[in-house]
Amino acid sequence: MPLTHEHQLAILADILTNHRTDCTGTTSECEQVQRLAKLLKQNHVIAPEIKQVLDQIEEYSTTGAQQADLLNHIETHQPNLSQWVDTINHYQ
């Protein structure tokens, strides 16, 4: 059974929440976040407010996947991670 956009948003929020609370992550998580953000941006039922955040999330994950010091990248984006998760949860 394919994942609905609600499931995809929940997965995205879960990964970003883990980055925020654990202040750690992996390159493969960043790559998964990037793929999810791209896919969700193409979905016409996604709220415009979430699509704006998805652009930022995609940039975060693209840059993060290329970082030698991913921990620093995640730490630097802590305020953004909170905002993104809040936005996703609000409009989901």
PDB file of N, CA and C in Angstrom:
ATOM      1  N   MET A   1       0.842  -1.161   0.000  1.00  0.00           N
ATOM      2  CA  MET A   1       0.000   0.000   0.000  1.00  0.00           C
ATOM      3  C   MET A   1       0.902   1.243   0.000  1.00  0.00           C
ATOM      4  N   PRO A   2       0.682   2.163  -0.940  1.00  0.00           N
ATOM      5  CA  PRO A   2       1.514   3.375  -0.986  1.00  0.00           C
ATOM      6  C   PRO A   2       1.200   4.307   0.185  1.00  0.00           C
ATOM      7  N   LEU A   3       2.182   5.095   0.544  1.00  0.00           N
ATOM      8  CA  LEU A   3       2.002   6.049   1.632  1.00  0.00           C
ATOM      9  C   LEU A   3       1.199   7.244   1.141  1.00  0.00           C
ATOM     10  N   THR A   4       0.262   7.696   1.950  1.00  0.00           N
ATOM     11  CA  THR A   4      -0.482   8.910   1.630  1.00  0.00           C
ATOM     12  C   THR A   4       0.382  10.116   1.971  1.00  0.00           C
ATOM     13  N   HIS A   5      -0.049  11.278   1.528  1.00  0.00           N
ATOM     14  CA  HIS A   5       0.716  12.477   1.848  1.00  0.00           C
ATOM     15  C   HIS A   5       0.706  12.748   3.355  1.00  0.00           C
ATOM     16  N   GLU A   6      -0.355  12.320   4.033  1.00  0.00           N
ATOM     17  CA  GLU A   6      -0.378  12.477   5.488  1.00  0.00           C
ATOM     18  C   GLU A   6       0.714  11.635   6.149  1.00  0.00           C
ATOM     19  N   HIS A   7       0.871  10.399   5.659  1.00  0.00           N
ATOM     20  CA  HIS A   7       1.929   9.533   6.187  1.00  0.00           C
ATOM     21  C   HIS A   7       3.306  10.107   5.870  1.00  0.00           C
ATOM     22  N   GLN A   8       3.464  10.622   4.659  1.00  0.00           N
ATOM     23  CA  GLN A   8       4.743  11.205   4.264  1.00  0.00           C
ATOM     24  C   GLN A   8       5.083  12.410   5.135  1.00  0.00           C
ATOM     25  N   LEU A   9       4.084  13.252   5.410  1.00  0.00           N
ATOM     26  CA  LEU A   9       4.317  14.400   6.287  1.00  0.00           C
ATOM     27  C   LEU A   9       4.658  13.952   7.710  1.00  0.00           C
ATOM     28  N   ALA A  10       4.006  12.898   8.168  1.00  0.00           N
ATOM     29  CA  ALA A  10       4.290  12.379   9.513  1.00  0.00           C
ATOM     30  C   ALA A  10       5.722  11.848   9.600  1.00  0.00           C
ATOM     31  N   ILE A  11       6.157  11.146   8.571  1.00  0.00           N
ATOM     32  CA  ILE A  11       7.533  10.637   8.542  1.00  0.00           C
ATOM     33  C   ILE A  11       8.520  11.799   8.533  1.00  0.00           C
ATOM     34  N   LEU A  12       8.232  12.789   7.704  1.00  0.00           N
ATOM     35  CA  LEU A  12       9.095  13.963   7.617  1.00  0.00           C
ATOM     36  C   LEU A  12       9.180  14.656   8.977  1.00  0.00           C
ATOM     37  N   ALA A  13       8.040  14.876   9.611  1.00  0.00           N
ATOM     38  CA  ALA A  13       8.027  15.521  10.926  1.00  0.00           C
ATOM     39  C   ALA A  13       8.768  14.679  11.961  1.00  0.00           C
ATOM     40  N   ASP A  14       8.635  13.361  11.898  1.00  0.00           N
ATOM     41  CA  ASP A  14       9.330  12.478  12.845  1.00  0.00           C
ATOM     42  C   ASP A  14      10.849  12.592  12.706  1.00  0.00           C
ATOM     43  N   ILE A  15      11.331  12.569  11.478  1.00  0.00           N
ATOM     44  CA  ILE A  15      12.784  12.659  11.263  1.00  0.00           C
ATOM     45  C   ILE A  15      13.302  14.014  11.739  1.00  0.00           C
ATOM     46  N   LEU A  16      12.584  15.087  11.377  1.00  0.00           N
ATOM     47  CA  LEU A  16      13.020  16.423  11.798  1.00  0.00           C
ATOM     48  C   LEU A  16      12.941  16.580  13.314  1.00  0.00           C
ATOM     49  N   THR A  17      11.941  15.981  13.930  1.00  0.00           N
ATOM     50  CA  THR A  17      11.834  16.008  15.390  1.00  0.00           C
ATOM     51  C   THR A  17      13.019  15.284  16.024  1.00  0.00           C
ATOM     52  N   ASN A  18      13.397  14.150  15.456  1.00  0.00           N
ATOM     53  CA  ASN A  18      14.566  13.431  15.967  1.00  0.00           C
ATOM     54  C   ASN A  18      15.832  14.265  15.817  1.00  0.00           C
ATOM     55  N   HIS A  19      15.978  14.958  14.696  1.00  0.00           N
ATOM     56  CA  HIS A  19      17.136  15.839  14.522  1.00  0.00           C
ATOM     57  C   HIS A  19      17.126  16.917  15.597  1.00  0.00           C
ATOM     58  N   ARG A  20      15.948  17.444  15.876  1.00  0.00           N
ATOM     59  CA  ARG A  20      15.824  18.525  16.866  1.00  0.00           C
ATOM     60  C   ARG A  20      16.090  18.018  18.279  1.00  0.00           C
ATOM     61  N   THR A  21      15.456  16.928  18.671  1.00  0.00           N
ATOM     62  CA  THR A  21      15.558  16.477  20.064  1.00  0.00           C
ATOM     63  C   THR A  21      16.867  15.749  20.359  1.00  0.00           C
ATOM     64  N   ASP A  22      17.332  14.937  19.406  1.00  0.00           N
ATOM     65  CA  ASP A  22      18.569  14.180  19.615  1.00  0.00           C
ATOM     66  C   ASP A  22      19.795  14.965  19.188  1.00  0.00           C
ATOM     67  N   CYS A  23      19.578  16.002  18.399  1.00  0.00           N
ATOM     68  CA  CYS A  23      20.655  16.838  17.856  1.00  0.00           C
ATOM     69  C   CYS A  23      21.691  15.981  17.132  1.00  0.00           C
ATOM     70  N   THR A  24      21.177  14.985  16.418  1.00  0.00           N
ATOM     71  CA  THR A  24      22.033  14.115  15.632  1.00  0.00           C
ATOM     72  C   THR A  24      21.226  13.572  14.466  1.00  0.00           C
ATOM     73  N   GLY A  25      21.911  13.073  13.460  1.00  0.00           N
ATOM     74  CA  GLY A  25      21.251  12.505  12.298  1.00  0.00           C
ATOM     75  C   GLY A  25      22.286  11.871  11.386  1.00  0.00           C
ATOM     76  N   THR A  26      21.809  11.304  10.294  1.00  0.00           N
ATOM     77  CA  THR A  26      22.708  10.650   9.349  1.00  0.00           C
ATOM     78  C   THR A  26      22.521  11.249   7.961  1.00  0.00           C
ATOM     79  N   THR A  27      23.498  10.995   7.130  1.00  0.00           N
ATOM     80  CA  THR A  27      23.410  11.431   5.743  1.00  0.00           C
ATOM     81  C   THR A  27      22.219  10.787   5.057  1.00  0.00           C
ATOM     82  N   SER A  28      21.971   9.513   5.328  1.00  0.00           N
ATOM     83  CA  SER A  28      20.840   8.836   4.694  1.00  0.00           C
ATOM     84  C   SER A  28      19.501   9.433   5.149  1.00  0.00           C
ATOM     85  N   GLU A  29      19.413   9.893   6.392  1.00  0.00           N
ATOM     86  CA  GLU A  29      18.200  10.581   6.834  1.00  0.00           C
ATOM     87  C   GLU A  29      18.015  11.888   6.067  1.00  0.00           C
ATOM     88  N   CYS A  30      19.093  12.616   5.897  1.00  0.00           N
ATOM     89  CA  CYS A  30      19.018  13.860   5.130  1.00  0.00           C
ATOM     90  C   CYS A  30      18.571  13.581   3.699  1.00  0.00           C
ATOM     91  N   GLU A  31      19.091  12.524   3.116  1.00  0.00           N
ATOM     92  CA  GLU A  31      18.689  12.168   1.757  1.00  0.00           C
ATOM     93  C   GLU A  31      17.219  11.778   1.703  1.00  0.00           C
ATOM     94  N   GLN A  32      16.735  11.065   2.723  1.00  0.00           N
ATOM     95  CA  GLN A  32      15.322  10.691   2.779  1.00  0.00           C
ATOM     96  C   GLN A  32      14.448  11.937   2.944  1.00  0.00           C
ATOM     97  N   VAL A  33      14.860  12.860   3.794  1.00  0.00           N
ATOM     98  CA  VAL A  33      14.121  14.103   3.988  1.00  0.00           C
ATOM     99  C   VAL A  33      14.056  14.882   2.677  1.00  0.00           C
ATOM    100  N   GLN A  34      15.160  14.915   1.975  1.00  0.00           N
ATOM    101  CA  GLN A  34      15.210  15.611   0.686  1.00  0.00           C
ATOM    102  C   GLN A  34      14.217  14.995  -0.296  1.00  0.00           C
ATOM    103  N   ARG A  35      14.206  13.676  -0.389  1.00  0.00           N
ATOM    104  CA  ARG A  35      13.275  12.998  -1.304  1.00  0.00           C
ATOM    105  C   ARG A  35      11.822  13.258  -0.912  1.00  0.00           C
ATOM    106  N   LEU A  36      11.521  13.180   0.379  1.00  0.00           N
ATOM    107  CA  LEU A  36      10.160  13.433   0.852  1.00  0.00           C
ATOM    108  C   LEU A  36       9.728  14.871   0.557  1.00  0.00           C
ATOM    109  N   ALA A  37      10.607  15.823   0.800  1.00  0.00           N
ATOM    110  CA  ALA A  37      10.268  17.229   0.550  1.00  0.00           C
ATOM    111  C   ALA A  37       9.978  17.454  -0.926  1.00  0.00           C
ATOM    112  N   LYS A  38      10.812  16.910  -1.792  1.00  0.00           N
ATOM    113  CA  LYS A  38      10.591  17.054  -3.231  1.00  0.00           C
ATOM    114  C   LYS A  38       9.259  16.445  -3.648  1.00  0.00           C
ATOM    115  N   LEU A  39       8.997  15.258  -3.153  1.00  0.00           N
ATOM    116  CA  LEU A  39       7.767  14.554  -3.504  1.00  0.00           C
ATOM    117  C   LEU A  39       6.536  15.319  -3.011  1.00  0.00           C
ATOM    118  N   LEU A  40       6.580  15.794  -1.791  1.00  0.00           N
ATOM    119  CA  LEU A  40       5.440  16.502  -1.221  1.00  0.00           C
ATOM    120  C   LEU A  40       5.188  17.835  -1.910  1.00  0.00           C
ATOM    121  N   LYS A  41       6.241  18.500  -2.363  1.00  0.00           N
ATOM    122  CA  LYS A  41       6.065  19.775  -3.059  1.00  0.00           C
ATOM    123  C   LYS A  41       5.292  19.594  -4.365  1.00  0.00           C
ATOM    124  N   GLN A  42       5.324  18.410  -4.922  1.00  0.00           N
ATOM    125  CA  GLN A  42       4.620  18.131  -6.173  1.00  0.00           C
ATOM    126  C   GLN A  42       3.153  17.771  -5.947  1.00  0.00           C
ATOM    127  N   ASN A  43       2.767  17.551  -4.704  1.00  0.00           N
ATOM    128  CA  ASN A  43       1.408  17.127  -4.382  1.00  0.00           C
ATOM    129  C   ASN A  43       0.496  18.353  -4.299  1.00  0.00           C
ATOM    130  N   HIS A  44      -0.562  18.356  -5.074  1.00  0.00           N
ATOM    131  CA  HIS A  44      -1.458  19.514  -5.153  1.00  0.00           C
ATOM    132  C   HIS A  44      -2.353  19.699  -3.929  1.00  0.00           C
ATOM    133  N   VAL A  45      -2.454  18.716  -3.060  1.00  0.00           N
ATOM    134  CA  VAL A  45      -3.314  18.860  -1.877  1.00  0.00           C
ATOM    135  C   VAL A  45      -2.563  19.396  -0.654  1.00  0.00           C
ATOM    136  N   ILE A  46      -1.271  19.577  -0.784  1.00  0.00           N
ATOM    137  CA  ILE A  46      -0.469  20.097   0.317  1.00  0.00           C
ATOM    138  C   ILE A  46      -0.727  21.598   0.459  1.00  0.00           C
ATOM    139  N   ALA A  47      -0.953  22.059   1.676  1.00  0.00           N
ATOM    140  CA  ALA A  47      -1.204  23.477   1.948  1.00  0.00           C
ATOM    141  C   ALA A  47      -0.016  24.332   1.497  1.00  0.00           C
ATOM    142  N   PRO A  48      -0.295  25.505   0.938  1.00  0.00           N
ATOM    143  CA  PRO A  48       0.791  26.397   0.491  1.00  0.00           C
ATOM    144  C   PRO A  48       1.779  26.734   1.609  1.00  0.00           C
ATOM    145  N   GLU A  49       1.294  26.825   2.841  1.00  0.00           N
ATOM    146  CA  GLU A  49       2.177  27.130   3.967  1.00  0.00           C
ATOM    147  C   GLU A  49       3.200  26.019   4.172  1.00  0.00           C
ATOM    148  N   ILE A  50       2.779  24.790   3.970  1.00  0.00           N
ATOM    149  CA  ILE A  50       3.709  23.665   4.098  1.00  0.00           C
ATOM    150  C   ILE A  50       4.675  23.655   2.922  1.00  0.00           C
ATOM    151  N   LYS A  51       4.194  23.976   1.739  1.00  0.00           N
ATOM    152  CA  LYS A  51       5.084  23.991   0.565  1.00  0.00           C
ATOM    153  C   LYS A  51       6.210  25.002   0.740  1.00  0.00           C
ATOM    154  N   GLN A  52       5.918  26.144   1.358  1.00  0.00           N
ATOM    155  CA  GLN A  52       6.974  27.126   1.625  1.00  0.00           C
ATOM    156  C   GLN A  52       8.037  26.544   2.559  1.00  0.00           C
ATOM    157  N   VAL A  53       7.578  25.835   3.574  1.00  0.00           N
ATOM    158  CA  VAL A  53       8.487  25.210   4.531  1.00  0.00           C
ATOM    159  C   VAL A  53       9.260  24.072   3.856  1.00  0.00           C
ATOM    160  N   LEU A  54       8.607  23.359   2.941  1.00  0.00           N
ATOM    161  CA  LEU A  54       9.270  22.253   2.247  1.00  0.00           C
ATOM    162  C   LEU A  54      10.470  22.727   1.442  1.00  0.00           C
ATOM    163  N   ASP A  55      10.394  23.929   0.886  1.00  0.00           N
ATOM    164  CA  ASP A  55      11.554  24.492   0.184  1.00  0.00           C
ATOM    165  C   ASP A  55      12.733  24.625   1.142  1.00  0.00           C
ATOM    166  N   GLN A  56      12.474  25.144   2.327  1.00  0.00           N
ATOM    167  CA  GLN A  56      13.520  25.320   3.328  1.00  0.00           C
ATOM    168  C   GLN A  56      14.056  23.972   3.811  1.00  0.00           C
ATOM    169  N   ILE A  57      13.152  23.032   4.010  1.00  0.00           N
ATOM    170  CA  ILE A  57      13.549  21.693   4.462  1.00  0.00           C
ATOM    171  C   ILE A  57      14.401  21.004   3.403  1.00  0.00           C
ATOM    172  N   GLU A  58      14.016  21.169   2.157  1.00  0.00           N
ATOM    173  CA  GLU A  58      14.802  20.557   1.080  1.00  0.00           C
ATOM    174  C   GLU A  58      16.214  21.136   1.040  1.00  0.00           C
ATOM    175  N   GLU A  59      16.330  22.438   1.204  1.00  0.00           N
ATOM    176  CA  GLU A  59      17.650  23.077   1.230  1.00  0.00           C
ATOM    177  C   GLU A  59      18.468  22.575   2.417  1.00  0.00           C
ATOM    178  N   TYR A  60      17.834  22.497   3.590  1.00  0.00           N
ATOM    179  CA  TYR A  60      18.488  21.991   4.798  1.00  0.00           C
ATOM    180  C   TYR A  60      19.019  20.575   4.572  1.00  0.00           C
ATOM    181  N   SER A  61      18.191  19.720   4.021  1.00  0.00           N
ATOM    182  CA  SER A  61      18.579  18.319   3.858  1.00  0.00           C
ATOM    183  C   SER A  61      19.609  18.142   2.755  1.00  0.00           C
ATOM    184  N   THR A  62      19.489  18.910   1.689  1.00  0.00           N
ATOM    185  CA  THR A  62      20.475  18.832   0.609  1.00  0.00           C
ATOM    186  C   THR A  62      21.846  19.244   1.124  1.00  0.00           C
ATOM    187  N   THR A  63      21.879  20.348   1.833  1.00  0.00           N
ATOM    188  CA  THR A  63      23.144  20.829   2.404  1.00  0.00           C
ATOM    189  C   THR A  63      23.657  19.858   3.462  1.00  0.00           C
ATOM    190  N   GLY A  64      22.771  19.355   4.289  1.00  0.00           N
ATOM    191  CA  GLY A  64      23.159  18.429   5.353  1.00  0.00           C
ATOM    192  C   GLY A  64      23.765  17.146   4.830  1.00  0.00           C
ATOM    193  N   ALA A  65      23.219  16.630   3.735  1.00  0.00           N
ATOM    194  CA  ALA A  65      23.734  15.386   3.157  1.00  0.00           C
ATOM    195  C   ALA A  65      25.160  15.544   2.654  1.00  0.00           C
ATOM    196  N   GLN A  66      25.575  16.781   2.412  1.00  0.00           N
ATOM    197  CA  GLN A  66      26.911  17.042   1.871  1.00  0.00           C
ATOM    198  C   GLN A  66      27.905  17.514   2.931  1.00  0.00           C
ATOM    199  N   GLN A  67      27.446  17.646   4.171  1.00  0.00           N
ATOM    200  CA  GLN A  67      28.284  18.178   5.243  1.00  0.00           C
ATOM    201  C   GLN A  67      29.233  17.133   5.810  1.00  0.00           C
ATOM    202  N   ALA A  68      30.458  17.549   6.033  1.00  0.00           N
ATOM    203  CA  ALA A  68      31.406  16.685   6.729  1.00  0.00           C
ATOM    204  C   ALA A  68      31.071  16.663   8.225  1.00  0.00           C
ATOM    205  N   ASP A  69      30.547  17.782   8.733  1.00  0.00           N
ATOM    206  CA  ASP A  69      30.167  17.893  10.149  1.00  0.00           C
ATOM    207  C   ASP A  69      28.655  18.066  10.238  1.00  0.00           C
ATOM    208  N   LEU A  70      27.943  16.964  10.097  1.00  0.00           N
ATOM    209  CA  LEU A  70      26.485  17.002  10.097  1.00  0.00           C
ATOM    210  C   LEU A  70      25.939  17.454  11.447  1.00  0.00           C
ATOM    211  N   LEU A  71      26.591  17.089  12.517  1.00  0.00           N
ATOM    212  CA  LEU A  71      26.145  17.496  13.851  1.00  0.00           C
ATOM    213  C   LEU A  71      26.088  19.015  13.955  1.00  0.00           C
ATOM    214  N   ASN A  72      27.108  19.703  13.491  1.00  0.00           N
ATOM    215  CA  ASN A  72      27.126  21.164  13.516  1.00  0.00           C
ATOM    216  C   ASN A  72      25.998  21.740  12.659  1.00  0.00           C
ATOM    217  N   HIS A  73      25.768  21.134  11.509  1.00  0.00           N
ATOM    218  CA  HIS A  73      24.698  21.575  10.618  1.00  0.00           C
ATOM    219  C   HIS A  73      23.340  21.476  11.330  1.00  0.00           C
ATOM    220  N   ILE A  74      23.105  20.364  11.999  1.00  0.00           N
ATOM    221  CA  ILE A  74      21.842  20.159  12.720  1.00  0.00           C
ATOM    222  C   ILE A  74      21.728  21.150  13.882  1.00  0.00           C
ATOM    223  N   GLU A  75      22.808  21.334  14.621  1.00  0.00           N
ATOM    224  CA  GLU A  75      22.793  22.277  15.743  1.00  0.00           C
ATOM    225  C   GLU A  75      22.491  23.688  15.274  1.00  0.00           C
ATOM    226  N   THR A  76      23.056  24.071  14.148  1.00  0.00           N
ATOM    227  CA  THR A  76      22.850  25.410  13.600  1.00  0.00           C
ATOM    228  C   THR A  76      21.391  25.643  13.226  1.00  0.00           C
ATOM    229  N   HIS A  77      20.700  24.584  12.825  1.00  0.00           N
ATOM    230  CA  HIS A  77      19.321  24.708  12.354  1.00  0.00           C
ATOM    231  C   HIS A  77      18.274  24.354  13.410  1.00  0.00           C
ATOM    232  N   GLN A  78      18.647  24.281  14.676  1.00  0.00           N
ATOM    233  CA  GLN A  78      17.694  23.920  15.725  1.00  0.00           C
ATOM    234  C   GLN A  78      16.438  24.790  15.731  1.00  0.00           C
ATOM    235  N   PRO A  79      16.560  26.130  15.669  1.00  0.00           N
ATOM    236  CA  PRO A  79      15.336  26.949  15.659  1.00  0.00           C
ATOM    237  C   PRO A  79      14.451  26.661  14.438  1.00  0.00           C
ATOM    238  N   ASN A  80      15.071  26.437  13.300  1.00  0.00           N
ATOM    239  CA  ASN A  80      14.313  26.136  12.078  1.00  0.00           C
ATOM    240  C   ASN A  80      13.592  24.798  12.208  1.00  0.00           C
ATOM    241  N   LEU A  81      14.265  23.811  12.758  1.00  0.00           N
ATOM    242  CA  LEU A  81      13.662  22.486  12.903  1.00  0.00           C
ATOM    243  C   LEU A  81      12.377  22.577  13.715  1.00  0.00           C
ATOM    244  N   SER A  82      12.411  23.327  14.795  1.00  0.00           N
ATOM    245  CA  SER A  82      11.212  23.499  15.622  1.00  0.00           C
ATOM    246  C   SER A  82      10.094  24.156  14.828  1.00  0.00           C
ATOM    247  N   GLN A  83      10.425  25.206  14.114  1.00  0.00           N
ATOM    248  CA  GLN A  83       9.424  25.929  13.324  1.00  0.00           C
ATOM    249  C   GLN A  83       8.835  25.032  12.236  1.00  0.00           C
ATOM    250  N   TRP A  84       9.677  24.286  11.545  1.00  0.00           N
ATOM    251  CA  TRP A  84       9.209  23.429  10.456  1.00  0.00           C
ATOM    252  C   TRP A  84       8.258  22.350  10.977  1.00  0.00           C
ATOM    253  N   VAL A  85       8.636  21.711  12.062  1.00  0.00           N
ATOM    254  CA  VAL A  85       7.788  20.661  12.633  1.00  0.00           C
ATOM    255  C   VAL A  85       6.461  21.250  13.103  1.00  0.00           C
ATOM    256  N   ASP A  86       6.518  22.400  13.738  1.00  0.00           N
ATOM    257  CA  ASP A  86       5.280  23.059  14.186  1.00  0.00           C
ATOM    258  C   ASP A  86       4.366  23.368  12.997  1.00  0.00           C
ATOM    259  N   THR A  87       4.937  23.871  11.910  1.00  0.00           N
ATOM    260  CA  THR A  87       4.152  24.195  10.721  1.00  0.00           C
ATOM    261  C   THR A  87       3.530  22.947  10.124  1.00  0.00           C
ATOM    262  N   ILE A  88       4.312  21.891   9.998  1.00  0.00           N
ATOM    263  CA  ILE A  88       3.788  20.638   9.434  1.00  0.00           C
ATOM    264  C   ILE A  88       2.645  20.117  10.309  1.00  0.00           C
ATOM    265  N   ASN A  89       2.851  20.099  11.607  1.00  0.00           N
ATOM    266  CA  ASN A  89       1.835  19.586  12.523  1.00  0.00           C
ATOM    267  C   ASN A  89       0.572  20.453  12.516  1.00  0.00           C
ATOM    268  N   HIS A  90       0.734  21.746  12.346  1.00  0.00           N
ATOM    269  CA  HIS A  90      -0.403  22.662  12.349  1.00  0.00           C
ATOM    270  C   HIS A  90      -1.287  22.471  11.121  1.00  0.00           C
ATOM    271  N   TYR A  91      -0.674  22.272   9.964  1.00  0.00           N
ATOM    272  CA  TYR A  91      -1.434  22.196   8.718  1.00  0.00           C
ATOM    273  C   TYR A  91      -1.732  20.774   8.270  1.00  0.00           C
ATOM    274  N   GLN A  92      -1.261  19.815   8.996  1.00  0.00           N
ATOM    275  CA  GLN A  92      -1.451  18.412   8.614  1.00  0.00           C
ATOM    276  C   GLN A  92      -2.863  17.955   8.868  1.00  0.00           C
TER     277      GLN A  92
END
